[in-house]
PDB file of N, CA and C in Angstrom:
ATOM      1  N   UNK A   1      23.072  19.543   8.639  1.00  0.00           N
ATOM      2  CA  UNK A   1      24.327  19.518   9.297  1.00  0.00           C
ATOM      3  C   UNK A   1      24.351  18.829  10.615  1.00  0.00           C
ATOM      4  N   UNK A   2      25.091  18.030  11.154  1.00  0.00           N
ATOM      5  CA  UNK A   2      24.787  17.483  12.062  1.00  0.00           C
ATOM      6  C   UNK A   2      25.656  18.034  13.426  1.00  0.00           C
ATOM      7  N   UNK A   3      26.382  19.403  13.025  1.00  0.00           N
ATOM      8  CA  UNK A   3      27.153  19.942  14.031  1.00  0.00           C
ATOM      9  C   UNK A   3      28.283  20.299  13.346  1.00  0.00           C
ATOM     10  N   UNK A   4      29.244  21.133  14.274  1.00  0.00           N
ATOM     11  CA  UNK A   4      30.592  21.420  13.952  1.00  0.00           C
ATOM     12  C   UNK A   4      31.673  20.045  13.681  1.00  0.00           C
ATOM     13  N   UNK A   5      32.657  20.484  12.880  1.00  0.00           N
ATOM     14  CA  UNK A   5      33.479  19.755  12.159  1.00  0.00           C
ATOM     15  C   UNK A   5      34.131  18.956  13.530  1.00  0.00           C
ATOM     16  N   UNK A   6      34.595  19.483  14.480  1.00  0.00           N
ATOM     17  CA  UNK A   6      35.408  19.018  15.312  1.00  0.00           C
ATOM     18  C   UNK A   6      34.701  18.679  16.784  1.00  0.00           C
ATOM     19  N   UNK A   7      33.186  18.885  16.884  1.00  0.00           N
ATOM     20  CA  UNK A   7      32.449  18.669  18.013  1.00  0.00           C
ATOM     21  C   UNK A   7      32.359  17.216  18.687  1.00  0.00           C
ATOM     22  N   UNK A   8      32.916  17.207  19.794  1.00  0.00           N
ATOM     23  CA  UNK A   8      32.727  16.336  20.463  1.00  0.00           C
ATOM     24  C   UNK A   8      31.781  15.008  20.643  1.00  0.00           C
ATOM     25  N   UNK A   9      31.817  13.859  20.453  1.00  0.00           N
ATOM     26  CA  UNK A   9      30.635  13.123  20.683  1.00  0.00           C
ATOM     27  C   UNK A   9      29.876  13.310  21.976  1.00  0.00           C
ATOM     28  N   UNK A  10      28.688  13.577  21.885  1.00  0.00           N
ATOM     29  CA  UNK A  10      27.810  13.756  23.473  1.00  0.00           C
ATOM     30  C   UNK A  10      28.317  12.473  24.681  1.00  0.00           C
ATOM     31  N   UNK A  11      28.291  12.593  25.753  1.00  0.00           N
ATOM     32  CA  UNK A  11      28.835  12.028  26.547  1.00  0.00           C
ATOM     33  C   UNK A  11      27.608  11.703  27.702  1.00  0.00           C
ATOM     34  N   UNK A  12      27.797  10.698  28.483  1.00  0.00           N
ATOM     35  CA  UNK A  12      26.716  10.996  29.656  1.00  0.00           C
ATOM     36  C   UNK A  12      25.513  11.068  29.365  1.00  0.00           C
ATOM     37  N   UNK A  13      24.958  12.163  30.127  1.00  0.00           N
ATOM     38  CA  UNK A  13      23.384  12.602  30.473  1.00  0.00           C
ATOM     39  C   UNK A  13      22.927  12.966  28.904  1.00  0.00           C
ATOM     40  N   UNK A  14      23.770  13.651  28.331  1.00  0.00           N
ATOM     41  CA  UNK A  14      23.209  14.095  27.084  1.00  0.00           C
ATOM     42  C   UNK A  14      23.051  12.703  25.822  1.00  0.00           C
ATOM     43  N   UNK A  15      23.712  11.770  25.998  1.00  0.00           N
ATOM     44  CA  UNK A  15      23.785  10.541  25.299  1.00  0.00           C
ATOM     45  C   UNK A  15      22.577   9.920  25.591  1.00  0.00           C
ATOM     46  N   UNK A  16      22.171  10.004  26.959  1.00  0.00           N
ATOM     47  CA  UNK A  16      21.076   9.149  27.399  1.00  0.00           C
ATOM     48  C   UNK A  16      19.880   9.796  26.785  1.00  0.00           C
ATOM     49  N   UNK A  17      20.138  11.408  26.882  1.00  0.00           N
ATOM     50  CA  UNK A  17      18.715  12.036  26.892  1.00  0.00           C
ATOM     51  C   UNK A  17      18.491  11.862  25.174  1.00  0.00           C
ATOM     52  N   UNK A  18      19.399  11.808  24.230  1.00  0.00           N
ATOM     53  CA  UNK A  18      19.379  11.571  22.879  1.00  0.00           C
ATOM     54  C   UNK A  18      18.655  10.157  22.590  1.00  0.00           C
ATOM     55  N   UNK A  19      19.076   9.593  23.334  1.00  0.00           N
ATOM     56  CA  UNK A  19      18.496   8.102  23.280  1.00  0.00           C
ATOM     57  C   UNK A  19      17.171   7.880  23.780  1.00  0.00           C
ATOM     58  N   UNK A  20      16.560   8.673  24.760  1.00  0.00           N
ATOM     59  CA  UNK A  20      15.185   8.577  25.358  1.00  0.00           C
ATOM     60  C   UNK A  20      14.137   9.306  23.970  1.00  0.00           C
ATOM     61  N   UNK A  21      14.961  10.723  23.615  1.00  0.00           N
ATOM     62  CA  UNK A  21      14.129  11.064  22.686  1.00  0.00           C
ATOM     63  C   UNK A  21      13.782  10.050  21.279  1.00  0.00           C
ATOM     64  N   UNK A  22      14.665   9.783  20.950  1.00  0.00           N
ATOM     65  CA  UNK A  22      14.418   8.878  19.783  1.00  0.00           C
ATOM     66  C   UNK A  22      13.439   7.763  20.068  1.00  0.00           C
ATOM     67  N   UNK A  23      13.651   7.049  21.230  1.00  0.00           N
ATOM     68  CA  UNK A  23      12.948   6.042  21.489  1.00  0.00           C
ATOM     69  C   UNK A  23      11.222   6.469  21.636  1.00  0.00           C
ATOM     70  N   UNK A  24      11.261   7.707  22.196  1.00  0.00           N
ATOM     71  CA  UNK A  24       9.819   8.419  22.434  1.00  0.00           C
ATOM     72  C   UNK A  24       9.262   8.631  21.180  1.00  0.00           C
ATOM     73  N   UNK A  25      10.200   9.020  20.158  1.00  0.00           N
ATOM     74  CA  UNK A  25       9.727   9.589  18.804  1.00  0.00           C
ATOM     75  C   UNK A  25       9.131   8.325  17.947  1.00  0.00           C
ATOM     76  N   UNK A  26      10.058   7.299  18.317  1.00  0.00           N
ATOM     77  CA  UNK A  26       9.480   5.896  17.690  1.00  0.00           C
ATOM     78  C   UNK A  26       8.377   5.647  18.119  1.00  0.00           C
ATOM     79  N   UNK A  27       7.813   5.573  19.426  1.00  0.00           N
ATOM     80  CA  UNK A  27       6.860   5.258  20.083  1.00  0.00           C
ATOM     81  C   UNK A  27       5.404   5.930  19.357  1.00  0.00           C
ATOM     82  N   UNK A  28       5.717   7.397  19.456  1.00  0.00           N
ATOM     83  CA  UNK A  28       4.734   8.178  18.767  1.00  0.00           C
ATOM     84  C   UNK A  28       4.526   7.931  17.344  1.00  0.00           C
ATOM     85  N   UNK A  29       5.493   7.813  16.619  1.00  0.00           N
ATOM     86  CA  UNK A  29       5.207   7.367  15.405  1.00  0.00           C
ATOM     87  C   UNK A  29       4.538   5.949  15.063  1.00  0.00           C
ATOM     88  N   UNK A  30       4.648   4.952  15.753  1.00  0.00           N
ATOM     89  CA  UNK A  30       4.153   3.662  15.570  1.00  0.00           C
ATOM     90  C   UNK A  30       2.659   3.823  16.282  1.00  0.00           C
ATOM     91  N   UNK A  31       2.203   4.540  17.223  1.00  0.00           N
ATOM     92  CA  UNK A  31       1.132   4.927  17.573  1.00  0.00           C
ATOM     93  C   UNK A  31       0.208   5.760  16.424  1.00  0.00           C
ATOM     94  N   UNK A  32       0.893   6.781  16.054  1.00  0.00           N
ATOM     95  CA  UNK A  32      -0.019   7.536  14.843  1.00  0.00           C
ATOM     96  C   UNK A  32      -0.103   6.601  14.105  1.00  0.00           C
ATOM     97  N   UNK A  33       0.643   5.898  13.182  1.00  0.00           N
ATOM     98  CA  UNK A  33       0.560   4.891  12.542  1.00  0.00           C
ATOM     99  C   UNK A  33      -0.458   3.783  12.535  1.00  0.00           C
ATOM    100  N   UNK A  34      -0.509   3.305  13.561  1.00  0.00           N
ATOM    101  CA  UNK A  34      -1.763   2.299  13.826  1.00  0.00           C
ATOM    102  C   UNK A  34      -2.953   3.010  13.904  1.00  0.00           C
ATOM    103  N   UNK A  35      -3.184   4.471  14.208  1.00  0.00           N
ATOM    104  CA  UNK A  35      -4.597   4.958  14.528  1.00  0.00           C
ATOM    105  C   UNK A  35      -5.069   5.472  13.199  1.00  0.00           C
ATOM    106  N   UNK A  36      -3.999   5.679  12.394  1.00  0.00           N
ATOM    107  CA  UNK A  36      -4.322   6.026  10.997  1.00  0.00           C
ATOM    108  C   UNK A  36      -4.798   4.733  10.119  1.00  0.00           C
ATOM    109  N   UNK A  37      -4.046   3.468  10.445  1.00  0.00           N
ATOM    110  CA  UNK A  37      -4.385   2.453   9.448  1.00  0.00           C
ATOM    111  C   UNK A  37      -5.923   1.777  10.001  1.00  0.00           C
ATOM    112  N   UNK A  38      -6.061   2.221  11.307  1.00  0.00           N
ATOM    113  CA  UNK A  38      -7.216   1.710  11.783  1.00  0.00           C
ATOM    114  C   UNK A  38      -8.454   2.346  11.458  1.00  0.00           C
ATOM    115  N   UNK A  39      -8.341   3.787  11.236  1.00  0.00           N
ATOM    116  CA  UNK A  39      -9.205   4.729  10.536  1.00  0.00           C
ATOM    117  C   UNK A  39      -9.602   4.642   8.952  1.00  0.00           C
ATOM    118  N   UNK A  40      -8.321   4.067   8.312  1.00  0.00           N
ATOM    119  CA  UNK A  40      -8.722   3.645   6.930  1.00  0.00           C
ATOM    120  C   UNK A  40      -9.365   2.401   6.852  1.00  0.00           C
ATOM    121  N   UNK A  41      -8.984   1.165   7.656  1.00  0.00           N
ATOM    122  CA  UNK A  41      -9.530   0.354   7.763  1.00  0.00           C
ATOM    123  C   UNK A  41     -11.296   0.059   7.992  1.00  0.00           C
ATOM    124  N   UNK A  42     -11.442   0.884   9.081  1.00  0.00           N
ATOM    125  CA  UNK A  42     -12.844   1.226   9.702  1.00  0.00           C
ATOM    126  C   UNK A  42     -13.678   1.960   8.528  1.00  0.00           C
ATOM    127  N   UNK A  43     -13.235   3.027   7.728  1.00  0.00           N
ATOM    128  CA  UNK A  43     -14.071   3.501   6.744  1.00  0.00           C
ATOM    129  C   UNK A  43     -14.158   2.547   5.904  1.00  0.00           C
ATOM    130  N   UNK A  44     -13.411   1.860   5.098  1.00  0.00           N
ATOM    131  CA  UNK A  44     -13.433   1.125   4.274  1.00  0.00           C
ATOM    132  C   UNK A  44     -14.585   0.622   3.276  1.00  0.00           C
ATOM    133  N   UNK A  45     -14.840   2.259   2.694  1.00  0.00           N
ATOM    134  CA  UNK A  45     -16.111   1.992   1.663  1.00  0.00           C
ATOM    135  C   UNK A  45     -15.638   1.621   0.649  1.00  0.00           C
ATOM    136  N   UNK A  46     -16.060   1.049  -0.378  1.00  0.00           N
ATOM    137  CA  UNK A  46     -15.670   0.402  -1.507  1.00  0.00           C
ATOM    138  C   UNK A  46     -15.785   1.711  -2.496  1.00  0.00           C
ATOM    139  N   UNK A  47     -14.937   1.927  -3.230  1.00  0.00           N
ATOM    140  CA  UNK A  47     -14.812   3.158  -4.422  1.00  0.00           C
ATOM    141  C   UNK A  47     -15.655   2.506  -5.718  1.00  0.00           C
ATOM    142  N   UNK A  48     -16.692   3.564  -6.034  1.00  0.00           N
ATOM    143  CA  UNK A  48     -17.502   3.230  -7.019  1.00  0.00           C
ATOM    144  C   UNK A  48     -16.427   3.035  -8.434  1.00  0.00           C
ATOM    145  N   UNK A  49     -16.402   2.289  -9.176  1.00  0.00           N
ATOM    146  CA  UNK A  49     -15.607   2.119 -10.476  1.00  0.00           C
ATOM    147  C   UNK A  49     -16.726   2.006 -11.479  1.00  0.00           C
ATOM    148  N   UNK A  50     -17.092   3.185 -11.969  1.00  0.00           N
ATOM    149  CA  UNK A  50     -17.999   3.259 -13.415  1.00  0.00           C
ATOM    150  C   UNK A  50     -17.073   3.614 -14.278  1.00  0.00           C
ATOM    151  N   UNK A  51     -15.968   2.951 -14.701  1.00  0.00           N
ATOM    152  CA  UNK A  51     -15.112   3.514 -15.439  1.00  0.00           C
ATOM    153  C   UNK A  51     -14.121   4.571 -15.364  1.00  0.00           C
ATOM    154  N   UNK A  52     -13.275   4.548 -16.320  1.00  0.00           N
ATOM    155  CA  UNK A  52     -12.468   5.712 -15.951  1.00  0.00           C
ATOM    156  C   UNK A  52     -12.715   6.891 -16.293  1.00  0.00           C
ATOM    157  N   UNK A  53     -12.546   7.470 -15.238  1.00  0.00           N
ATOM    158  CA  UNK A  53     -12.769   8.958 -15.227  1.00  0.00           C
ATOM    159  C   UNK A  53     -11.474  10.151 -15.193  1.00  0.00           C
ATOM    160  N   UNK A  54     -11.881  11.270 -15.886  1.00  0.00           N
ATOM    161  CA  UNK A  54     -10.488  12.130 -15.702  1.00  0.00           C
ATOM    162  C   UNK A  54     -10.918  13.338 -16.843  1.00  0.00           C
ATOM    163  N   UNK A  55      -9.793  13.742 -17.298  1.00  0.00           N
ATOM    164  CA  UNK A  55      -9.698  14.841 -18.413  1.00  0.00           C
ATOM    165  C   UNK A  55      -8.495  14.611 -19.485  1.00  0.00           C
ATOM    166  N   UNK A  56      -9.375  14.459 -20.697  1.00  0.00           N
ATOM    167  CA  UNK A  56      -8.775  14.425 -22.087  1.00  0.00           C
ATOM    168  C   UNK A  56      -8.206  15.700 -22.091  1.00  0.00           C
ATOM    169  N   UNK A  57      -6.635  15.715 -22.650  1.00  0.00           N
ATOM    170  CA  UNK A  57      -5.947  17.012 -22.936  1.00  0.00           C
ATOM    171  C   UNK A  57      -5.458  16.815 -24.221  1.00  0.00           C
ATOM    172  N   UNK A  58      -5.875  17.730 -25.214  1.00  0.00           N
ATOM    173  CA  UNK A  58      -5.437  17.747 -26.392  1.00  0.00           C
ATOM    174  C   UNK A  58      -4.697  19.185 -26.844  1.00  0.00           C
ATOM    175  N   UNK A  59      -3.357  19.167 -27.158  1.00  0.00           N
ATOM    176  CA  UNK A  59      -2.728  20.303 -27.557  1.00  0.00           C
ATOM    177  C   UNK A  59      -2.240  20.344 -28.892  1.00  0.00           C
ATOM    178  N   UNK A  60      -2.418  21.751 -29.259  1.00  0.00           N
ATOM    179  CA  UNK A  60      -1.660  21.691 -30.794  1.00  0.00           C
ATOM    180  C   UNK A  60      -1.057  23.078 -30.711  1.00  0.00           C
ATOM    181  N   UNK A  61       0.379  23.283 -30.697  1.00  0.00           N
ATOM    182  CA  UNK A  61       0.995  24.592 -30.693  1.00  0.00           C
ATOM    183  C   UNK A  61       1.120  24.689 -29.340  1.00  0.00           C
ATOM    184  N   UNK A  62       0.697  25.947 -29.060  1.00  0.00           N
ATOM    185  CA  UNK A  62       0.257  26.479 -27.962  1.00  0.00           C
ATOM    186  C   UNK A  62      -1.095  26.563 -27.224  1.00  0.00           C
ATOM    187  N   UNK A  63      -2.111  25.834 -27.950  1.00  0.00           N
ATOM    188  CA  UNK A  63      -3.409  25.841 -27.750  1.00  0.00           C
ATOM    189  C   UNK A  63      -3.761  24.822 -26.808  1.00  0.00           C
ATOM    190  N   UNK A  64      -4.099  24.608 -25.943  1.00  0.00           N
ATOM    191  CA  UNK A  64      -4.615  23.469 -25.083  1.00  0.00           C
ATOM    192  C   UNK A  64      -6.029  23.204 -24.951  1.00  0.00           C
ATOM    193  N   UNK A  65      -6.823  22.190 -25.329  1.00  0.00           N
ATOM    194  CA  UNK A  65      -8.323  22.029 -24.865  1.00  0.00           C
ATOM    195  C   UNK A  65      -8.528  20.806 -24.087  1.00  0.00           C
ATOM    196  N   UNK A  66      -9.311  21.089 -22.845  1.00  0.00           N
ATOM    197  CA  UNK A  66      -9.459  20.397 -21.992  1.00  0.00           C
ATOM    198  C   UNK A  66     -11.180  19.663 -22.420  1.00  0.00           C
ATOM    199  N   UNK A  67     -11.268  18.148 -22.336  1.00  0.00           N
ATOM    200  CA  UNK A  67     -12.695  17.607 -22.212  1.00  0.00           C
ATOM    201  C   UNK A  67     -12.719  16.819 -21.227  1.00  0.00           C
ATOM    202  N   UNK A  68     -13.552  17.427 -20.306  1.00  0.00           N
ATOM    203  CA  UNK A  68     -13.826  16.676 -19.171  1.00  0.00           C
ATOM    204  C   UNK A  68     -14.714  15.870 -19.263  1.00  0.00           C
ATOM    205  N   UNK A  69     -14.363  14.376 -18.726  1.00  0.00           N
ATOM    206  CA  UNK A  69     -15.479  13.295 -18.836  1.00  0.00           C
ATOM    207  C   UNK A  69     -16.130  13.120 -17.968  1.00  0.00           C
ATOM    208  N   UNK A  70     -17.477  12.472 -17.725  1.00  0.00           N
ATOM    209  CA  UNK A  70     -18.212  12.411 -16.754  1.00  0.00           C
ATOM    210  C   UNK A  70     -18.015  11.383 -15.775  1.00  0.00           C
TER     211      UNK A  70
END
């Protein structure tokens, strides 16, 4: 909820303050995204793909068997 039903719109200094907070949060989000993307690119190790790996699930009634593949 963004406030009371009959609350007046913010004026003057409060409006400027909200604008600056929004701008600062946008800058912080942009910088964090750049840092994360750079670290992902820097890591850049290829994932070994020796075929699909996972777990085979077989169920009969309420009994479940898990066969783990190497």
